[in-house]
Amino acid sequence: MKKILVIEDNDEVRDNIAEILELSGYEVITAENGKLGTEIAIEQIPDLIICDIMMPVLDGYGVVYLLNQNPKTNSIPFIFLTAKSEKTDFRKGMELGADDYITKPFEGIELLKGVEMRLHKSEAVKQQLTRDIESSDSLNSFLTNVKKVTHVPLISEEREVYNYKKKQQIYAEGQRPKAVYYVKSGKVKTFKSNDDGKELITNVLGKGDFLGYTYILENIVYKESAEVLEDAEIMTIPKDDFLVLMSADMQVARQFIKLITHNVLEKEESLLNIAYNSLRKK
């Protein structure tokens, strides 16, 4: 049974949300202010948090900020509950780390759909974060073949490796690609954003994965953004080096395409769930 924490200072609204969620089979914990809610979240680690913005003691912005600073709670899906309608307020919440928002007044079905979508998306991301990279043998075989046919190494100790912190951007939609990126450790997500700051995650990548290659091969600007999900080491492969590698030998290019296609197929189910739930929400 999924555990949901509801942080809301209005007794009637808080009880109403709790009743709707409990009738739908969720375990519900409640808190009447942000300070208490933060303490409960750290102690009980819920599967999802629904939090009002305007509250005494500690407002919703303070709650999401504090929880995102704590390694125990920074991955918990967070939904803002607010009567405000200005986009700047929504964007501020998203920038602080919120995943979604529901505007009061709301229908029970709207609440349940929002919760369901976030829980499904969270589960999909967790599966990607915890799985072992099964393609490591294929990667090693590919790198061996690269060394045989060209003097330009794809991955080398001489290449620059950058340490990225969680939520740090690697590249942004609309930029011109200058490199291919190789994930040595950590996790990275690629995503698209709408005007309200909502995200559609298009991929989750981990150790041994490459990103950014499509845009170099097609010679187009990035159609999505890339951001670090958890602290990562990212190796940069300059655009010109990558193009030399892909043109050096047809077998190298074919094996690279086969490798990345395998990785895409591994992620297909999770990505379809993410896309389906995001579209259904709209």
C-alpha atoms as a PDB file:
ATOM      1  CA  MET A   1       0.000   0.000   0.000  1.00  0.00           C
ATOM      2  CA  LYS A   2       1.413   3.381  -1.046  1.00  0.00           C
ATOM      3  CA  LYS A   3       1.868   5.942   1.724  1.00  0.00           C
ATOM      4  CA  ILE A   4       0.909   9.560   1.027  1.00  0.00           C
ATOM      5  CA  LEU A   5       1.664  12.555   3.240  1.00  0.00           C
ATOM      6  CA  VAL A   6      -0.834  15.446   3.075  1.00  0.00           C
ATOM      7  CA  ILE A   7       0.401  18.793   4.434  1.00  0.00           C
ATOM      8  CA  GLU A   8      -2.475  21.290   4.638  1.00  0.00           C
ATOM      9  CA  ASP A   9      -3.402  23.835   7.318  1.00  0.00           C
ATOM     10  CA  ASN A  10      -7.132  23.903   6.476  1.00  0.00           C
ATOM     11  CA  ASP A  11      -8.775  21.127   8.514  1.00  0.00           C
ATOM     12  CA  GLU A  12     -11.694  20.628   6.114  1.00  0.00           C
ATOM     13  CA  VAL A  13      -9.519  20.461   3.003  1.00  0.00           C
ATOM     14  CA  ARG A  14      -6.984  18.182   4.707  1.00  0.00           C
ATOM     15  CA  ASP A  15      -9.675  15.768   5.933  1.00  0.00           C
ATOM     16  CA  ASN A  16     -11.367  15.764   2.526  1.00  0.00           C
ATOM     17  CA  ILE A  17      -8.128  14.881   0.721  1.00  0.00           C
ATOM     18  CA  ALA A  18      -7.324  12.169   3.262  1.00  0.00           C
ATOM     19  CA  GLU A  19     -10.789  10.630   2.904  1.00  0.00           C
ATOM     20  CA  ILE A  20     -10.596  10.539  -0.910  1.00  0.00           C
ATOM     21  CA  LEU A  21      -7.150   8.929  -0.845  1.00  0.00           C
ATOM     22  CA  GLU A  22      -8.063   6.386   1.837  1.00  0.00           C
ATOM     23  CA  LEU A  23     -11.166   5.337  -0.092  1.00  0.00           C
ATOM     24  CA  SER A  24      -8.869   4.716  -3.053  1.00  0.00           C
ATOM     25  CA  GLY A  25      -6.670   2.353  -1.066  1.00  0.00           C
ATOM     26  CA  TYR A  26      -3.818   4.637  -0.024  1.00  0.00           C
ATOM     27  CA  GLU A  27      -2.321   4.918   3.456  1.00  0.00           C
ATOM     28  CA  VAL A  28      -2.556   8.582   4.445  1.00  0.00           C
ATOM     29  CA  ILE A  29      -0.555  10.620   6.959  1.00  0.00           C
ATOM     30  CA  THR A  30      -1.512  14.239   7.622  1.00  0.00           C
ATOM     31  CA  ALA A  31       0.175  17.344   8.994  1.00  0.00           C
ATOM     32  CA  GLU A  32      -1.386  20.738   9.737  1.00  0.00           C
ATOM     33  CA  ASN A  33       1.693  22.846   8.974  1.00  0.00           C
ATOM     34  CA  GLY A  34       4.909  22.744   6.979  1.00  0.00           C
ATOM     35  CA  LYS A  35       7.269  22.253   9.909  1.00  0.00           C
ATOM     36  CA  LEU A  36       5.417  19.195  11.189  1.00  0.00           C
ATOM     37  CA  GLY A  37       5.036  17.887   7.651  1.00  0.00           C
ATOM     38  CA  THR A  38       8.772  18.126   7.028  1.00  0.00           C
ATOM     39  CA  GLU A  39       9.520  16.231  10.233  1.00  0.00           C
ATOM     40  CA  ILE A  40       7.019  13.481   9.356  1.00  0.00           C
ATOM     41  CA  ALA A  41       8.402  13.171   5.820  1.00  0.00           C
ATOM     42  CA  ILE A  42      11.947  12.651   7.095  1.00  0.00           C
ATOM     43  CA  GLU A  43      10.805  10.159   9.735  1.00  0.00           C
ATOM     44  CA  GLN A  44       8.349   8.079   7.688  1.00  0.00           C
ATOM     45  CA  ILE A  45       9.550   8.542   4.061  1.00  0.00           C
ATOM     46  CA  PRO A  46       6.179   8.548   2.249  1.00  0.00           C
ATOM     47  CA  ASP A  47       5.804   7.491  -1.381  1.00  0.00           C
ATOM     48  CA  LEU A  48       4.329  10.879  -2.318  1.00  0.00           C
ATOM     49  CA  ILE A  49       3.713  14.272  -0.710  1.00  0.00           C
ATOM     50  CA  ILE A  50       0.783  16.627  -1.343  1.00  0.00           C
ATOM     51  CA  CYS A  51       1.484  20.046   0.144  1.00  0.00           C
ATOM     52  CA  ASP A  52      -0.327  23.378   0.319  1.00  0.00           C
ATOM     53  CA  ILE A  53       1.729  26.490  -0.470  1.00  0.00           C
ATOM     54  CA  MET A  54       0.331  29.133   1.889  1.00  0.00           C
ATOM     55  CA  MET A  55       0.689  27.790   5.456  1.00  0.00           C
ATOM     56  CA  PRO A  56       1.787  29.075   8.846  1.00  0.00           C
ATOM     57  CA  VAL A  57       5.126  28.212  10.490  1.00  0.00           C
ATOM     58  CA  LEU A  58       6.690  26.988   7.213  1.00  0.00           C
ATOM     59  CA  ASP A  59       5.119  27.461   3.775  1.00  0.00           C
ATOM     60  CA  GLY A  60       5.116  24.936   0.947  1.00  0.00           C
ATOM     61  CA  TYR A  61       8.144  26.492  -0.728  1.00  0.00           C
ATOM     62  CA  GLY A  62      10.126  26.007   2.462  1.00  0.00           C
ATOM     63  CA  VAL A  63       8.951  22.402   2.762  1.00  0.00           C
ATOM     64  CA  VAL A  64       9.995  21.379  -0.743  1.00  0.00           C
ATOM     65  CA  TYR A  65      13.310  23.218  -0.385  1.00  0.00           C
ATOM     66  CA  LEU A  66      14.202  21.492   2.890  1.00  0.00           C
ATOM     67  CA  LEU A  67      13.147  18.045   1.680  1.00  0.00           C
ATOM     68  CA  ASN A  68      15.194  18.417  -1.490  1.00  0.00           C
ATOM     69  CA  GLN A  69      18.276  19.153   0.598  1.00  0.00           C
ATOM     70  CA  ASN A  70      17.885  15.854   2.457  1.00  0.00           C
ATOM     71  CA  PRO A  71      19.198  12.704   0.671  1.00  0.00           C
ATOM     72  CA  LYS A  72      16.477  10.636   2.383  1.00  0.00           C
ATOM     73  CA  THR A  73      13.618  12.698   0.940  1.00  0.00           C
ATOM     74  CA  ASN A  74      14.871  14.433  -2.205  1.00  0.00           C
ATOM     75  CA  SER A  75      13.473  11.780  -4.538  1.00  0.00           C
ATOM     76  CA  ILE A  76       9.928  11.706  -3.101  1.00  0.00           C
ATOM     77  CA  PRO A  77       7.355  12.926  -5.678  1.00  0.00           C
ATOM     78  CA  PHE A  78       5.979  16.298  -4.543  1.00  0.00           C
ATOM     79  CA  ILE A  79       2.653  17.841  -5.593  1.00  0.00           C
ATOM     80  CA  PHE A  80       1.791  21.422  -4.686  1.00  0.00           C
ATOM     81  CA  LEU A  81      -1.807  22.173  -3.716  1.00  0.00           C
ATOM     82  CA  THR A  82      -2.551  25.843  -4.257  1.00  0.00           C
ATOM     83  CA  ALA A  83      -5.307  28.350  -4.833  1.00  0.00           C
ATOM     84  CA  LYS A  84      -2.931  30.549  -6.781  1.00  0.00           C
ATOM     85  CA  SER A  85      -3.171  30.595 -10.564  1.00  0.00           C
ATOM     86  CA  GLU A  86      -0.217  32.756 -11.598  1.00  0.00           C
ATOM     87  CA  LYS A  87       2.352  30.906 -13.695  1.00  0.00           C
ATOM     88  CA  THR A  88       5.193  32.533 -11.777  1.00  0.00           C
ATOM     89  CA  ASP A  89       4.061  30.765  -8.612  1.00  0.00           C
ATOM     90  CA  PHE A  90       3.937  27.416 -10.407  1.00  0.00           C
ATOM     91  CA  ARG A  91       7.352  27.976 -11.934  1.00  0.00           C
ATOM     92  CA  LYS A  92       8.864  28.933  -8.580  1.00  0.00           C
ATOM     93  CA  GLY A  93       7.601  25.676  -7.123  1.00  0.00           C
ATOM     94  CA  MET A  94       9.008  23.660 -10.020  1.00  0.00           C
ATOM     95  CA  GLU A  95      12.382  25.382  -9.737  1.00  0.00           C
ATOM     96  CA  LEU A  96      12.525  24.460  -6.053  1.00  0.00           C
ATOM     97  CA  GLY A  97      11.898  20.800  -6.880  1.00  0.00           C
ATOM     98  CA  ALA A  98       8.130  20.202  -7.026  1.00  0.00           C
ATOM     99  CA  ASP A  99       6.936  17.669  -9.600  1.00  0.00           C
ATOM    100  CA  ASP A 100       3.375  18.848 -10.184  1.00  0.00           C
ATOM    101  CA  TYR A 101       0.595  21.089  -8.867  1.00  0.00           C
ATOM    102  CA  ILE A 102      -3.165  20.889  -8.404  1.00  0.00           C
ATOM    103  CA  THR A 103      -5.177  24.096  -8.250  1.00  0.00           C
ATOM    104  CA  LYS A 104      -7.923  24.503  -5.655  1.00  0.00           C
ATOM    105  CA  PRO A 105     -10.833  23.983  -5.916  1.00  0.00           C
ATOM    106  CA  PHE A 106     -10.416  20.548  -7.488  1.00  0.00           C
ATOM    107  CA  GLU A 107     -12.489  17.459  -8.187  1.00  0.00           C
ATOM    108  CA  GLY A 108     -11.711  14.192  -6.439  1.00  0.00           C
ATOM    109  CA  ILE A 109     -10.973  12.473  -9.752  1.00  0.00           C
ATOM    110  CA  GLU A 110      -8.477  15.215 -10.630  1.00  0.00           C
ATOM    111  CA  LEU A 111      -6.661  14.617  -7.363  1.00  0.00           C
ATOM    112  CA  LEU A 112      -6.574  10.853  -7.855  1.00  0.00           C
ATOM    113  CA  LYS A 113      -5.351  11.118 -11.442  1.00  0.00           C
ATOM    114  CA  GLY A 114      -2.565  13.476 -10.390  1.00  0.00           C
ATOM    115  CA  VAL A 115      -1.494  11.136  -7.606  1.00  0.00           C
ATOM    116  CA  GLU A 116      -1.668   8.065  -9.850  1.00  0.00           C
ATOM    117  CA  MET A 117       0.391   9.723 -12.571  1.00  0.00           C
ATOM    118  CA  ARG A 118       3.124  10.814 -10.173  1.00  0.00           C
ATOM    119  CA  LEU A 119       3.319   7.420  -8.474  1.00  0.00           C
ATOM    120  CA  HIS A 120       3.558   5.640 -11.828  1.00  0.00           C
ATOM    121  CA  LYS A 121       6.251   8.021 -13.027  1.00  0.00           C
ATOM    122  CA  SER A 122       8.186   7.657  -9.780  1.00  0.00           C
ATOM    123  CA  GLU A 123       8.051   3.872 -10.025  1.00  0.00           C
ATOM    124  CA  ALA A 124       9.268   3.948 -13.620  1.00  0.00           C
ATOM    125  CA  VAL A 125      12.231   6.136 -12.667  1.00  0.00           C
ATOM    126  CA  LYS A 126      13.074   3.935  -9.658  1.00  0.00           C
ATOM    127  CA  GLN A 127      13.191   0.863 -11.882  1.00  0.00           C
ATOM    128  CA  GLN A 128      15.678   2.620 -14.119  1.00  0.00           C
ATOM    129  CA  LEU A 129      17.755   3.840 -11.194  1.00  0.00           C
ATOM    130  CA  THR A 130      18.029   0.422  -9.544  1.00  0.00           C
ATOM    131  CA  ARG A 131      18.509  -1.829 -12.563  1.00  0.00           C
ATOM    132  CA  ASP A 132      21.945  -3.150 -13.498  1.00  0.00           C
ATOM    133  CA  ILE A 133      23.269  -2.103 -16.847  1.00  0.00           C
ATOM    134  CA  GLU A 134      22.874  -5.358 -18.783  1.00  0.00           C
ATOM    135  CA  SER A 135      24.497  -3.980 -21.890  1.00  0.00           C
ATOM    136  CA  SER A 136      28.015  -3.694 -20.421  1.00  0.00           C
ATOM    137  CA  ASP A 137      29.351  -6.667 -22.447  1.00  0.00           C
ATOM    138  CA  SER A 138      28.017  -5.142 -25.673  1.00  0.00           C
ATOM    139  CA  LEU A 139      29.595  -1.823 -24.751  1.00  0.00           C
ATOM    140  CA  ASN A 140      32.987  -3.418 -24.098  1.00  0.00           C
ATOM    141  CA  SER A 141      32.806  -5.282 -27.433  1.00  0.00           C
ATOM    142  CA  PHE A 142      31.984  -2.060 -29.228  1.00  0.00           C
ATOM    143  CA  LEU A 143      34.858  -0.162 -27.629  1.00  0.00           C
ATOM    144  CA  THR A 144      37.258  -2.972 -28.551  1.00  0.00           C
ATOM    145  CA  ASN A 145      36.208  -2.753 -32.208  1.00  0.00           C
ATOM    146  CA  VAL A 146      36.606   1.023 -32.166  1.00  0.00           C
ATOM    147  CA  LYS A 147      40.232   0.658 -31.087  1.00  0.00           C
ATOM    148  CA  LYS A 148      40.892  -1.771 -33.957  1.00  0.00           C
ATOM    149  CA  VAL A 149      39.645   0.448 -36.778  1.00  0.00           C
ATOM    150  CA  THR A 150      40.567   3.960 -35.722  1.00  0.00           C
ATOM    151  CA  HIS A 151      43.173   5.820 -33.704  1.00  0.00           C
ATOM    152  CA  VAL A 152      40.515   8.125 -32.262  1.00  0.00           C
ATOM    153  CA  PRO A 153      39.288   6.566 -28.991  1.00  0.00           C
ATOM    154  CA  LEU A 154      35.628   6.919 -28.117  1.00  0.00           C
ATOM    155  CA  ILE A 155      36.313   6.654 -24.398  1.00  0.00           C
ATOM    156  CA  SER A 156      39.743   7.548 -23.077  1.00  0.00           C
ATOM    157  CA  GLU A 157      41.360   8.603 -19.824  1.00  0.00           C
ATOM    158  CA  GLU A 158      42.573  11.625 -21.735  1.00  0.00           C
ATOM    159  CA  ARG A 159      39.059  12.875 -22.342  1.00  0.00           C
ATOM    160  CA  GLU A 160      37.628  15.394 -19.928  1.00  0.00           C
ATOM    161  CA  VAL A 161      35.285  14.043 -17.269  1.00  0.00           C
ATOM    162  CA  TYR A 162      33.030  16.497 -15.475  1.00  0.00           C
ATOM    163  CA  ASN A 163      31.369  16.002 -12.109  1.00  0.00           C
ATOM    164  CA  TYR A 164      27.718  17.038 -12.228  1.00  0.00           C
ATOM    165  CA  LYS A 165      25.493  17.584  -9.203  1.00  0.00           C
ATOM    166  CA  LYS A 166      21.850  16.549  -8.968  1.00  0.00           C
ATOM    167  CA  LYS A 167      19.560  18.811 -11.077  1.00  0.00           C
ATOM    168  CA  GLN A 168      22.543  20.336 -12.924  1.00  0.00           C
ATOM    169  CA  GLN A 169      21.846  20.863 -16.617  1.00  0.00           C
ATOM    170  CA  ILE A 170      23.984  19.166 -19.270  1.00  0.00           C
ATOM    171  CA  TYR A 171      22.331  20.759 -22.272  1.00  0.00           C
ATOM    172  CA  ALA A 172      19.136  22.638 -23.066  1.00  0.00           C
ATOM    173  CA  GLU A 173      16.497  22.422 -25.761  1.00  0.00           C
ATOM    174  CA  GLY A 174      17.328  24.685 -28.701  1.00  0.00           C
ATOM    175  CA  GLN A 175      21.113  24.659 -28.239  1.00  0.00           C
ATOM    176  CA  ARG A 176      23.452  23.466 -30.971  1.00  0.00           C
ATOM    177  CA  PRO A 177      25.157  20.159 -30.070  1.00  0.00           C
ATOM    178  CA  LYS A 178      28.915  20.269 -29.597  1.00  0.00           C
ATOM    179  CA  ALA A 179      29.567  16.854 -28.072  1.00  0.00           C
ATOM    180  CA  VAL A 180      28.323  13.390 -27.259  1.00  0.00           C
ATOM    181  CA  TYR A 181      28.126  12.570 -23.563  1.00  0.00           C
ATOM    182  CA  TYR A 182      29.021   9.281 -21.896  1.00  0.00           C
ATOM    183  CA  VAL A 183      27.713   8.514 -18.396  1.00  0.00           C
ATOM    184  CA  LYS A 184      30.547   7.028 -16.313  1.00  0.00           C
ATOM    185  CA  SER A 185      28.467   7.048 -13.133  1.00  0.00           C
ATOM    186  CA  GLY A 186      25.212   8.458 -11.801  1.00  0.00           C
ATOM    187  CA  LYS A 187      21.896   9.024 -13.590  1.00  0.00           C
ATOM    188  CA  VAL A 188      20.666  11.502 -16.194  1.00  0.00           C
ATOM    189  CA  LYS A 189      17.203  12.293 -17.516  1.00  0.00           C
ATOM    190  CA  THR A 190      16.192  13.884 -20.812  1.00  0.00           C
ATOM    191  CA  PHE A 191      12.901  15.767 -20.917  1.00  0.00           C
ATOM    192  CA  LYS A 192      10.687  18.308 -22.620  1.00  0.00           C
ATOM    193  CA  SER A 193       8.935  21.148 -20.741  1.00  0.00           C
ATOM    194  CA  ASN A 194       5.745  23.059 -21.442  1.00  0.00           C
ATOM    195  CA  ASP A 195       5.041  26.726 -20.630  1.00  0.00           C
ATOM    196  CA  ASP A 196       3.798  25.846 -17.136  1.00  0.00           C
ATOM    197  CA  GLY A 197       7.046  24.085 -16.242  1.00  0.00           C
ATOM    198  CA  LYS A 198       5.606  20.576 -16.417  1.00  0.00           C
ATOM    199  CA  GLU A 199       8.001  17.950 -17.687  1.00  0.00           C
ATOM    200  CA  LEU A 200       7.642  14.947 -19.971  1.00  0.00           C
ATOM    201  CA  ILE A 201      10.579  12.655 -19.262  1.00  0.00           C
ATOM    202  CA  THR A 202      11.770  11.110 -22.525  1.00  0.00           C
ATOM    203  CA  ASN A 203      14.619   8.967 -21.221  1.00  0.00           C
ATOM    204  CA  VAL A 204      16.527   7.917 -18.100  1.00  0.00           C
ATOM    205  CA  LEU A 205      20.183   7.027 -18.610  1.00  0.00           C
ATOM    206  CA  GLY A 206      22.765   5.414 -16.354  1.00  0.00           C
ATOM    207  CA  LYS A 207      26.303   4.065 -16.301  1.00  0.00           C
ATOM    208  CA  GLY A 208      27.452   3.022 -19.771  1.00  0.00           C
ATOM    209  CA  ASP A 209      24.857   5.092 -21.660  1.00  0.00           C
ATOM    210  CA  PHE A 210      25.501   7.734 -24.314  1.00  0.00           C
ATOM    211  CA  LEU A 211      23.371  10.807 -24.943  1.00  0.00           C
ATOM    212  CA  GLY A 212      23.261  13.629 -27.444  1.00  0.00           C
ATOM    213  CA  TYR A 213      24.460  11.571 -30.412  1.00  0.00           C
ATOM    214  CA  THR A 214      21.207  11.775 -32.401  1.00  0.00           C
ATOM    215  CA  TYR A 215      21.426  15.541 -32.773  1.00  0.00           C
ATOM    216  CA  ILE A 216      25.016  15.399 -34.010  1.00  0.00           C
ATOM    217  CA  LEU A 217      24.246  12.662 -36.537  1.00  0.00           C
ATOM    218  CA  GLU A 218      21.208  14.594 -37.815  1.00  0.00           C
ATOM    219  CA  ASN A 219      22.952  17.979 -37.491  1.00  0.00           C
ATOM    220  CA  ILE A 220      20.023  19.597 -35.677  1.00  0.00           C
ATOM    221  CA  VAL A 221      19.532  21.516 -32.433  1.00  0.00           C
ATOM    222  CA  TYR A 222      18.551  19.701 -29.247  1.00  0.00           C
ATOM    223  CA  LYS A 223      14.825  18.935 -29.141  1.00  0.00           C
ATOM    224  CA  GLU A 224      14.958  18.195 -25.406  1.00  0.00           C
ATOM    225  CA  SER A 225      16.980  19.078 -22.321  1.00  0.00           C
ATOM    226  CA  ALA A 226      19.279  16.857 -20.268  1.00  0.00           C
ATOM    227  CA  GLU A 227      19.588  17.121 -16.495  1.00  0.00           C
ATOM    228  CA  VAL A 228      21.320  15.071 -13.807  1.00  0.00           C
ATOM    229  CA  LEU A 229      19.013  12.920 -11.640  1.00  0.00           C
ATOM    230  CA  GLU A 230      21.746  11.970  -9.189  1.00  0.00           C
ATOM    231  CA  ASP A 231      25.385  13.077  -8.914  1.00  0.00           C
ATOM    232  CA  ALA A 232      27.152  11.919 -12.051  1.00  0.00           C
ATOM    233  CA  GLU A 233      30.496  11.724 -13.843  1.00  0.00           C
ATOM    234  CA  ILE A 234      30.034  12.653 -17.495  1.00  0.00           C
ATOM    235  CA  MET A 235      32.708  12.189 -20.162  1.00  0.00           C
ATOM    236  CA  THR A 236      32.602  14.600 -23.100  1.00  0.00           C
ATOM    237  CA  ILE A 237      33.304  13.304 -26.613  1.00  0.00           C
ATOM    238  CA  PRO A 238      33.774  16.261 -28.991  1.00  0.00           C
ATOM    239  CA  LYS A 239      31.487  16.375 -32.017  1.00  0.00           C
ATOM    240  CA  ASP A 240      34.308  16.092 -34.562  1.00  0.00           C
ATOM    241  CA  ASP A 241      35.820  13.036 -32.839  1.00  0.00           C
ATOM    242  CA  PHE A 242      32.452  11.307 -32.745  1.00  0.00           C
ATOM    243  CA  LEU A 243      31.825  11.932 -36.452  1.00  0.00           C
ATOM    244  CA  VAL A 244      35.272  10.546 -37.311  1.00  0.00           C
ATOM    245  CA  LEU A 245      34.478   7.415 -35.314  1.00  0.00           C
ATOM    246  CA  MET A 246      31.129   6.901 -37.014  1.00  0.00           C
ATOM    247  CA  SER A 247      32.600   7.370 -40.505  1.00  0.00           C
ATOM    248  CA  ALA A 248      35.782   5.340 -39.930  1.00  0.00           C
ATOM    249  CA  ASP A 249      34.170   1.946 -40.429  1.00  0.00           C
ATOM    250  CA  MET A 250      30.644   0.808 -41.246  1.00  0.00           C
ATOM    251  CA  GLN A 251      30.878  -2.036 -38.720  1.00  0.00           C
ATOM    252  CA  VAL A 252      31.669   0.429 -35.930  1.00  0.00           C
ATOM    253  CA  ALA A 253      28.677   2.590 -36.841  1.00  0.00           C
ATOM    254  CA  ARG A 254      26.405  -0.444 -37.163  1.00  0.00           C
ATOM    255  CA  GLN A 255      27.476  -1.836 -33.767  1.00  0.00           C
ATOM    256  CA  PHE A 256      26.993   1.520 -32.066  1.00  0.00           C
ATOM    257  CA  ILE A 257      23.472   1.793 -33.490  1.00  0.00           C
ATOM    258  CA  LYS A 258      22.730  -1.769 -32.391  1.00  0.00           C
ATOM    259  CA  LEU A 259      23.979  -0.980 -28.893  1.00  0.00           C
ATOM    260  CA  ILE A 260      21.911   2.152 -28.403  1.00  0.00           C
ATOM    261  CA  THR A 261      18.829   0.527 -29.957  1.00  0.00           C
ATOM    262  CA  HIS A 262      19.093  -2.254 -27.381  1.00  0.00           C
ATOM    263  CA  ASN A 263      19.206   0.337 -24.617  1.00  0.00           C
ATOM    264  CA  VAL A 264      16.150   2.100 -26.032  1.00  0.00           C
ATOM    265  CA  LEU A 265      14.192  -1.166 -26.130  1.00  0.00           C
ATOM    266  CA  GLU A 266      15.111  -1.819 -22.485  1.00  0.00           C
ATOM    267  CA  LYS A 267      13.566   1.522 -21.538  1.00  0.00           C
ATOM    268  CA  GLU A 268      10.556   1.283 -23.853  1.00  0.00           C
ATOM    269  CA  GLU A 269       7.970   0.107 -21.325  1.00  0.00           C
ATOM    270  CA  SER A 270       8.864   2.708 -18.717  1.00  0.00           C
ATOM    271  CA  LEU A 271       8.961   5.497 -21.288  1.00  0.00           C
ATOM    272  CA  LEU A 272       5.594   4.493 -22.721  1.00  0.00           C
ATOM    273  CA  ASN A 273       4.094   4.576 -19.228  1.00  0.00           C
ATOM    274  CA  ILE A 274       5.569   8.020 -18.608  1.00  0.00           C
ATOM    275  CA  ALA A 275       4.288   9.393 -21.923  1.00  0.00           C
ATOM    276  CA  TYR A 276       0.850   7.786 -21.540  1.00  0.00           C
ATOM    277  CA  ASN A 277       0.304   9.145 -18.051  1.00  0.00           C
ATOM    278  CA  SER A 278       1.513  12.616 -19.001  1.00  0.00           C
ATOM    279  CA  LEU A 279      -0.837  12.774 -21.994  1.00  0.00           C
ATOM    280  CA  ARG A 280      -3.735  11.430 -19.935  1.00  0.00           C
ATOM    281  CA  LYS A 281      -3.131  14.172 -17.359  1.00  0.00           C
ATOM    282  CA  LYS A 282      -3.495  16.804 -20.067  1.00  0.00           C
END
